[in-house]
Structure formats: structure tokens, C-alpha cells
PDB file of N, CA and C in Angstrom:
ATOM      1  N   MET A   1      27.019  31.441  13.155  1.00  0.00           N
ATOM      2  CA  MET A   1      25.798  30.107  13.974  1.00  0.00           C
ATOM      3  C   MET A   1      26.570  29.125  13.654  1.00  0.00           C
ATOM      4  N   GLU A   2      26.701  28.275  13.966  1.00  0.00           N
ATOM      5  CA  GLU A   2      27.014  26.517  14.008  1.00  0.00           C
ATOM      6  C   GLU A   2      26.168  26.272  13.625  1.00  0.00           C
ATOM      7  N   THR A   3      25.851  24.718  12.875  1.00  0.00           N
ATOM      8  CA  THR A   3      24.622  24.144  12.622  1.00  0.00           C
ATOM      9  C   THR A   3      25.465  23.056  13.553  1.00  0.00           C
ATOM     10  N   GLN A   4      24.230  22.478  13.981  1.00  0.00           N
ATOM     11  CA  GLN A   4      24.469  21.151  15.219  1.00  0.00           C
ATOM     12  C   GLN A   4      24.092  20.207  14.182  1.00  0.00           C
ATOM     13  N   PRO A   5      24.598  18.756  14.461  1.00  0.00           N
ATOM     14  CA  PRO A   5      23.942  17.452  13.348  1.00  0.00           C
ATOM     15  C   PRO A   5      22.909  16.997  14.417  1.00  0.00           C
ATOM     16  N   PHE A   6      21.911  16.323  13.836  1.00  0.00           N
ATOM     17  CA  PHE A   6      20.816  16.006  13.923  1.00  0.00           C
ATOM     18  C   PHE A   6      21.225  14.631  14.952  1.00  0.00           C
ATOM     19  N   ASN A   7      20.368  14.660  16.221  1.00  0.00           N
ATOM     20  CA  ASN A   7      20.850  13.655  17.047  1.00  0.00           C
ATOM     21  C   ASN A   7      19.577  12.778  17.446  1.00  0.00           C
ATOM     22  N   ARG A   8      19.002  11.555  17.491  1.00  0.00           N
ATOM     23  CA  ARG A   8      18.110  11.592  18.176  1.00  0.00           C
ATOM     24  C   ARG A   8      18.130  11.573  19.887  1.00  0.00           C
ATOM     25  N   SER A   9      17.241  12.150  20.441  1.00  0.00           N
ATOM     26  CA  SER A   9      17.245  12.207  21.888  1.00  0.00           C
ATOM     27  C   SER A   9      17.394  10.557  22.395  1.00  0.00           C
ATOM     28  N   THR A  10      16.674  10.474  22.138  1.00  0.00           N
ATOM     29  CA  THR A  10      16.042   8.384  22.669  1.00  0.00           C
ATOM     30  C   THR A  10      16.432   7.787  21.375  1.00  0.00           C
ATOM     31  N   PRO A  11      17.451   6.653  21.424  1.00  0.00           N
ATOM     32  CA  PRO A  11      17.524   5.851  20.363  1.00  0.00           C
ATOM     33  C   PRO A  11      16.278   4.890  20.516  1.00  0.00           C
ATOM     34  N   LYS A  12      15.957   4.532  19.109  1.00  0.00           N
ATOM     35  CA  LYS A  12      14.696   3.217  18.881  1.00  0.00           C
ATOM     36  C   LYS A  12      14.968   2.141  19.680  1.00  0.00           C
ATOM     37  N   SER A  13      13.994   1.552  20.158  1.00  0.00           N
ATOM     38  CA  SER A  13      13.907   0.020  20.933  1.00  0.00           C
ATOM     39  C   SER A  13      13.628  -0.846  19.819  1.00  0.00           C
ATOM     40  N   ALA A  14      13.973  -2.078  20.090  1.00  0.00           N
ATOM     41  CA  ALA A  14      13.529  -3.113  19.141  1.00  0.00           C
ATOM     42  C   ALA A  14      12.483  -3.435  18.985  1.00  0.00           C
ATOM     43  N   ASP A  15      11.227  -2.941  19.840  1.00  0.00           N
ATOM     44  CA  ASP A  15       9.506  -2.782  19.760  1.00  0.00           C
ATOM     45  C   ASP A  15       9.463  -1.879  18.810  1.00  0.00           C
ATOM     46  N   ASP A  16      10.115  -0.686  18.909  1.00  0.00           N
ATOM     47  CA  ASP A  16       9.888   0.104  17.659  1.00  0.00           C
ATOM     48  C   ASP A  16      10.060  -0.156  16.648  1.00  0.00           C
ATOM     49  N   TYR A  17      11.300  -0.524  16.463  1.00  0.00           N
ATOM     50  CA  TYR A  17      11.689  -1.572  14.801  1.00  0.00           C
ATOM     51  C   TYR A  17      10.527  -2.549  14.683  1.00  0.00           C
ATOM     52  N   ARG A  18       9.929  -3.319  15.530  1.00  0.00           N
ATOM     53  CA  ARG A  18       9.038  -4.386  15.118  1.00  0.00           C
ATOM     54  C   ARG A  18       7.551  -3.853  14.990  1.00  0.00           C
ATOM     55  N   LYS A  19       7.217  -2.893  15.596  1.00  0.00           N
ATOM     56  CA  LYS A  19       6.005  -1.955  15.040  1.00  0.00           C
ATOM     57  C   LYS A  19       6.153  -1.196  13.742  1.00  0.00           C
ATOM     58  N   GLU A  20       7.011  -0.566  13.274  1.00  0.00           N
ATOM     59  CA  GLU A  20       7.144  -0.178  12.075  1.00  0.00           C
ATOM     60  C   GLU A  20       7.313  -1.178  10.812  1.00  0.00           C
ATOM     61  N   ARG A  21       7.477  -2.525  11.354  1.00  0.00           N
ATOM     62  CA  ARG A  21       7.911  -3.394  10.357  1.00  0.00           C
ATOM     63  C   ARG A  21       6.714  -4.115  10.188  1.00  0.00           C
ATOM     64  N   ASN A  22       5.744  -4.353  11.633  1.00  0.00           N
ATOM     65  CA  ASN A  22       4.211  -4.841  11.244  1.00  0.00           C
ATOM     66  C   ASN A  22       3.468  -3.961  10.554  1.00  0.00           C
ATOM     67  N   ILE A  23       3.770  -2.641  10.890  1.00  0.00           N
ATOM     68  CA  ILE A  23       2.953  -1.652   9.753  1.00  0.00           C
ATOM     69  C   ILE A  23       2.992  -1.783   8.315  1.00  0.00           C
ATOM     70  N   LYS A  24       4.390  -1.612   8.447  1.00  0.00           N
ATOM     71  CA  LYS A  24       4.964  -1.960   6.796  1.00  0.00           C
ATOM     72  C   LYS A  24       4.057  -2.793   6.107  1.00  0.00           C
ATOM     73  N   ASN A  25       4.176  -4.356   6.845  1.00  0.00           N
ATOM     74  CA  ASN A  25       3.833  -5.496   6.323  1.00  0.00           C
ATOM     75  C   ASN A  25       2.104  -5.336   5.752  1.00  0.00           C
ATOM     76  N   VAL A  26       1.867  -4.749   6.802  1.00  0.00           N
ATOM     77  CA  VAL A  26       0.025  -5.082   6.765  1.00  0.00           C
ATOM     78  C   VAL A  26      -0.195  -4.302   5.695  1.00  0.00           C
ATOM     79  N   VAL A  27       0.508  -3.047   5.201  1.00  0.00           N
ATOM     80  CA  VAL A  27       0.044  -1.688   4.384  1.00  0.00           C
ATOM     81  C   VAL A  27       0.195  -2.611   2.905  1.00  0.00           C
ATOM     82  N   LEU A  28       1.730  -3.826   3.145  1.00  0.00           N
ATOM     83  CA  LEU A  28       2.102  -4.247   1.749  1.00  0.00           C
ATOM     84  C   LEU A  28       1.253  -5.171   1.641  1.00  0.00           C
ATOM     85  N   VAL A  29       0.333  -5.836   2.794  1.00  0.00           N
ATOM     86  CA  VAL A  29      -0.569  -7.139   1.962  1.00  0.00           C
ATOM     87  C   VAL A  29      -1.930  -6.521   1.979  1.00  0.00           C
ATOM     88  N   ILE A  30      -2.522  -4.882   2.626  1.00  0.00           N
ATOM     89  CA  ILE A  30      -3.940  -4.403   1.929  1.00  0.00           C
ATOM     90  C   ILE A  30      -3.218  -3.961   0.078  1.00  0.00           C
ATOM     91  N   VAL A  31      -2.524  -3.690  -0.241  1.00  0.00           N
ATOM     92  CA  VAL A  31      -2.302  -3.122  -1.332  1.00  0.00           C
ATOM     93  C   VAL A  31      -2.014  -4.014  -2.450  1.00  0.00           C
ATOM     94  N   ILE A  32      -1.006  -4.980  -1.743  1.00  0.00           N
ATOM     95  CA  ILE A  32      -0.981  -6.539  -2.573  1.00  0.00           C
ATOM     96  C   ILE A  32      -2.583  -7.154  -3.421  1.00  0.00           C
ATOM     97  N   ALA A  33      -3.688  -7.090  -2.108  1.00  0.00           N
ATOM     98  CA  ALA A  33      -4.918  -7.914  -2.282  1.00  0.00           C
ATOM     99  C   ALA A  33      -5.242  -6.711  -3.015  1.00  0.00           C
ATOM    100  N   MET A  34      -5.454  -5.248  -3.033  1.00  0.00           N
ATOM    101  CA  MET A  34      -6.469  -4.468  -3.694  1.00  0.00           C
ATOM    102  C   MET A  34      -5.784  -4.627  -5.273  1.00  0.00           C
ATOM    103  N   ILE A  35      -4.305  -4.573  -5.397  1.00  0.00           N
ATOM    104  CA  ILE A  35      -4.026  -4.769  -6.669  1.00  0.00           C
ATOM    105  C   ILE A  35      -4.661  -6.315  -7.496  1.00  0.00           C
ATOM    106  N   SER A  36      -4.360  -7.230  -6.408  1.00  0.00           N
ATOM    107  CA  SER A  36      -4.894  -8.218  -7.289  1.00  0.00           C
ATOM    108  C   SER A  36      -6.206  -8.979  -7.280  1.00  0.00           C
ATOM    109  N   LEU A  37      -7.128  -8.223  -6.549  1.00  0.00           N
ATOM    110  CA  LEU A  37      -8.409  -7.759  -6.604  1.00  0.00           C
ATOM    111  C   LEU A  37      -9.049  -7.248  -7.771  1.00  0.00           C
ATOM    112  N   GLY A  38      -8.379  -6.227  -8.067  1.00  0.00           N
ATOM    113  CA  GLY A  38      -8.657  -5.382  -9.331  1.00  0.00           C
ATOM    114  C   GLY A  38      -8.178  -6.024 -10.897  1.00  0.00           C
ATOM    115  N   VAL A  39      -7.142  -6.510 -10.323  1.00  0.00           N
ATOM    116  CA  VAL A  39      -6.613  -7.799 -11.410  1.00  0.00           C
ATOM    117  C   VAL A  39      -7.610  -8.866 -11.909  1.00  0.00           C
ATOM    118  N   ILE A  40      -8.809  -9.485 -10.897  1.00  0.00           N
ATOM    119  CA  ILE A  40      -9.296 -10.596 -10.985  1.00  0.00           C
ATOM    120  C   ILE A  40     -10.724  -9.734 -11.420  1.00  0.00           C
ATOM    121  N   LEU A  41     -10.808  -8.714 -11.062  1.00  0.00           N
ATOM    122  CA  LEU A  41     -12.259  -7.828 -11.773  1.00  0.00           C
ATOM    123  C   LEU A  41     -12.001  -7.917 -13.130  1.00  0.00           C
ATOM    124  N   ASN A  42     -10.937  -7.665 -13.268  1.00  0.00           N
ATOM    125  CA  ASN A  42     -11.019  -7.143 -14.723  1.00  0.00           C
ATOM    126  C   ASN A  42     -10.807  -8.679 -15.586  1.00  0.00           C
ATOM    127  N   LEU A  43     -10.001  -9.208 -14.976  1.00  0.00           N
ATOM    128  CA  LEU A  43     -10.215 -10.813 -15.950  1.00  0.00           C
ATOM    129  C   LEU A  43     -11.561 -11.026 -15.904  1.00  0.00           C
ATOM    130  N   LEU A  44     -12.777 -10.872 -14.732  1.00  0.00           N
ATOM    131  CA  LEU A  44     -14.048 -11.407 -14.815  1.00  0.00           C
ATOM    132  C   LEU A  44     -14.886 -10.737 -15.779  1.00  0.00           C
ATOM    133  N   ALA A  45     -14.266  -9.637 -15.915  1.00  0.00           N
ATOM    134  CA  ALA A  45     -15.189  -8.616 -17.301  1.00  0.00           C
ATOM    135  C   ALA A  45     -14.556  -9.180 -18.757  1.00  0.00           C
ATOM    136  N   TRP A  46     -13.363  -9.706 -18.705  1.00  0.00           N
ATOM    137  CA  TRP A  46     -13.157 -10.310 -20.090  1.00  0.00           C
ATOM    138  C   TRP A  46     -13.844 -11.335 -20.314  1.00  0.00           C
ATOM    139  N   SER A  47     -14.057 -12.333 -19.028  1.00  0.00           N
ATOM    140  CA  SER A  47     -15.127 -13.628 -19.607  1.00  0.00           C
ATOM    141  C   SER A  47     -16.682 -13.115 -19.389  1.00  0.00           C
ATOM    142  N   ASP A  48     -16.829 -11.714 -19.611  1.00  0.00           N
ATOM    143  CA  ASP A  48     -18.122 -11.467 -19.624  1.00  0.00           C
ATOM    144  C   ASP A  48     -19.104 -12.199 -18.347  1.00  0.00           C
ATOM    145  N   ILE A  49     -18.877 -12.161 -17.272  1.00  0.00           N
ATOM    146  CA  ILE A  49     -19.259 -12.674 -16.019  1.00  0.00           C
ATOM    147  C   ILE A  49     -19.958 -11.601 -15.576  1.00  0.00           C
ATOM    148  N   GLY A  50     -19.530 -10.709 -15.387  1.00  0.00           N
ATOM    149  CA  GLY A  50     -20.173  -9.193 -14.830  1.00  0.00           C
ATOM    150  C   GLY A  50     -19.745  -8.263 -15.661  1.00  0.00           C
ATOM    151  N   ARG A  51     -19.928  -8.199 -16.975  1.00  0.00           N
ATOM    152  CA  ARG A  51     -19.363  -7.410 -17.616  1.00  0.00           C
ATOM    153  C   ARG A  51     -19.807  -5.593 -17.625  1.00  0.00           C
ATOM    154  N   PRO A  52     -20.500  -5.237 -16.867  1.00  0.00           N
ATOM    155  CA  PRO A  52     -21.007  -3.601 -16.780  1.00  0.00           C
ATOM    156  C   PRO A  52     -19.927  -3.185 -15.715  1.00  0.00           C
ATOM    157  N   TYR A  53     -19.759  -4.277 -14.707  1.00  0.00           N
ATOM    158  CA  TYR A  53     -19.545  -3.122 -13.356  1.00  0.00           C
ATOM    159  C   TYR A  53     -18.027  -3.815 -12.911  1.00  0.00           C
ATOM    160  N   THR A  54     -17.603  -4.886 -13.544  1.00  0.00           N
ATOM    161  CA  THR A  54     -16.470  -5.325 -13.130  1.00  0.00           C
ATOM    162  C   THR A  54     -15.067  -4.706 -13.596  1.00  0.00           C
ATOM    163  N   THR A  55     -15.244  -4.100 -14.923  1.00  0.00           N
ATOM    164  CA  THR A  55     -14.123  -3.642 -15.700  1.00  0.00           C
ATOM    165  C   THR A  55     -13.899  -2.207 -14.374  1.00  0.00           C
ATOM    166  N   GLU A  56     -15.250  -1.071 -14.517  1.00  0.00           N
ATOM    167  CA  GLU A  56     -15.066  -0.416 -13.734  1.00  0.00           C
ATOM    168  C   GLU A  56     -14.557  -0.442 -12.373  1.00  0.00           C
ATOM    169  N   ALA A  57     -14.818  -1.564 -11.881  1.00  0.00           N
ATOM    170  CA  ALA A  57     -14.959  -1.568 -10.610  1.00  0.00           C
ATOM    171  C   ALA A  57     -13.747  -2.122 -10.187  1.00  0.00           C
ATOM    172  N   GLY A  58     -12.508  -3.067 -10.934  1.00  0.00           N
ATOM    173  CA  GLY A  58     -11.614  -3.514 -11.274  1.00  0.00           C
ATOM    174  C   GLY A  58     -10.366  -2.301 -11.398  1.00  0.00           C
ATOM    175  N   ILE A  59     -10.644  -1.356 -12.263  1.00  0.00           N
ATOM    176  CA  ILE A  59      -9.881  -0.288 -12.441  1.00  0.00           C
ATOM    177  C   ILE A  59      -9.741   0.696 -11.671  1.00  0.00           C
ATOM    178  N   TRP A  60     -10.891   0.915 -10.705  1.00  0.00           N
ATOM    179  CA  TRP A  60     -10.586   1.818  -9.627  1.00  0.00           C
ATOM    180  C   TRP A  60     -10.137   1.315  -8.424  1.00  0.00           C
ATOM    181  N   ILE A  61     -10.215  -0.311  -8.346  1.00  0.00           N
ATOM    182  CA  ILE A  61      -9.543  -0.666  -6.975  1.00  0.00           C
ATOM    183  C   ILE A  61      -8.209  -1.142  -7.062  1.00  0.00           C
ATOM    184  N   GLY A  62      -7.834  -1.410  -8.539  1.00  0.00           N
ATOM    185  CA  GLY A  62      -6.211  -1.587  -8.804  1.00  0.00           C
ATOM    186  C   GLY A  62      -5.896  -0.427  -8.347  1.00  0.00           C
ATOM    187  N   SER A  63      -6.254   0.818  -9.122  1.00  0.00           N
ATOM    188  CA  SER A  63      -5.463   2.044  -9.095  1.00  0.00           C
ATOM    189  C   SER A  63      -5.745   2.539  -7.609  1.00  0.00           C
ATOM    190  N   LEU A  64      -6.347   2.222  -7.161  1.00  0.00           N
ATOM    191  CA  LEU A  64      -6.611   2.870  -5.343  1.00  0.00           C
ATOM    192  C   LEU A  64      -5.396   2.228  -4.601  1.00  0.00           C
ATOM    193  N   GLY A  65      -5.297   0.657  -5.280  1.00  0.00           N
ATOM    194  CA  GLY A  65      -4.024  -0.266  -4.369  1.00  0.00           C
ATOM    195  C   GLY A  65      -2.562   0.587  -4.831  1.00  0.00           C
ATOM    196  N   VAL A  66      -2.952   0.719  -6.093  1.00  0.00           N
ATOM    197  CA  VAL A  66      -1.494   1.179  -6.682  1.00  0.00           C
ATOM    198  C   VAL A  66      -1.104   2.837  -6.073  1.00  0.00           C
ATOM    199  N   GLY A  67      -2.708   3.545  -5.926  1.00  0.00           N
ATOM    200  CA  GLY A  67      -2.099   5.174  -5.200  1.00  0.00           C
ATOM    201  C   GLY A  67      -2.000   4.783  -3.517  1.00  0.00           C
ATOM    202  N   ILE A  68      -2.573   4.125  -2.828  1.00  0.00           N
ATOM    203  CA  ILE A  68      -2.380   3.471  -1.778  1.00  0.00           C
ATOM    204  C   ILE A  68      -0.999   3.599  -1.551  1.00  0.00           C
ATOM    205  N   GLY A  69      -0.381   2.155  -2.049  1.00  0.00           N
ATOM    206  CA  GLY A  69       1.185   1.727  -1.971  1.00  0.00           C
ATOM    207  C   GLY A  69       2.208   2.778  -2.316  1.00  0.00           C
ATOM    208  N   TRP A  70       1.553   3.531  -3.025  1.00  0.00           N
ATOM    209  CA  TRP A  70       2.747   4.695  -3.555  1.00  0.00           C
ATOM    210  C   TRP A  70       2.904   5.638  -1.880  1.00  0.00           C
ATOM    211  N   PHE A  71       1.541   6.062  -1.633  1.00  0.00           N
ATOM    212  CA  PHE A  71       1.709   7.308  -0.676  1.00  0.00           C
ATOM    213  C   PHE A  71       1.886   6.200   0.761  1.00  0.00           C
ATOM    214  N   ALA A  72       1.867   4.907   0.895  1.00  0.00           N
ATOM    215  CA  ALA A  72       2.558   4.465   2.073  1.00  0.00           C
ATOM    216  C   ALA A  72       3.806   4.117   2.132  1.00  0.00           C
ATOM    217  N   GLY A  73       4.554   4.070   0.620  1.00  0.00           N
ATOM    218  CA  GLY A  73       5.934   4.615   0.823  1.00  0.00           C
ATOM    219  C   GLY A  73       6.771   5.583   1.051  1.00  0.00           C
ATOM    220  N   LYS A  74       5.874   6.661   0.468  1.00  0.00           N
ATOM    221  CA  LYS A  74       6.632   7.712   0.780  1.00  0.00           C
ATOM    222  C   LYS A  74       6.585   8.210   2.342  1.00  0.00           C
ATOM    223  N   VAL A  75       5.368   7.591   2.896  1.00  0.00           N
ATOM    224  CA  VAL A  75       5.245   7.997   4.476  1.00  0.00           C
ATOM    225  C   VAL A  75       5.857   6.992   5.194  1.00  0.00           C
ATOM    226  N   LEU A  76       5.932   5.794   4.786  1.00  0.00           N
ATOM    227  CA  LEU A  76       6.348   4.717   5.594  1.00  0.00           C
ATOM    228  C   LEU A  76       8.311   4.504   5.428  1.00  0.00           C
ATOM    229  N   ASN A  77       8.401   5.163   4.609  1.00  0.00           N
ATOM    230  CA  ASN A  77       9.843   4.738   3.960  1.00  0.00           C
ATOM    231  C   ASN A  77      10.556   5.386   4.757  1.00  0.00           C
TER     232      ASN A  77
END
């Protein structure tokens, strides 16, 4: 039994590429915003403005941003 090479039945159009790029850009902006918010919350915690909650929130939000970025990188690659 011979193996056939994988061929797409229909080539991608320019609109498909544009949609993919837009989705990747939106995910990238969300991930960067979450990581930045995590860093800002941790900096606020170090300056004793909102000590008990900002450290934990910063760690969770930053970690979630990294996790979403990793997952999106695997899915949208």
C-alpha cells in the first residue's frame, strides 16, 4: 500500500491568512497585557500599597498569561 502525500483540497485564501494573523495578534496582546498586569501588581505589593492581595493576584495573573501564551503558541502555531 502506497502512502500518498498530504495535499490540501483547497488552498488558503488571503482572507484566511488575514484572519489567522488577526487571531494571533489578539492573543499576543492579551498575553502581554496579562503578564504586564501581573508584574505591575507585584510591584505594587513591594511598595506596600495593597500588600496582602496584590502579590497573590500578580502571581496568578502573570502565570495565567504565561500559560495562555504557551497554549496559544501550541494551538496557533
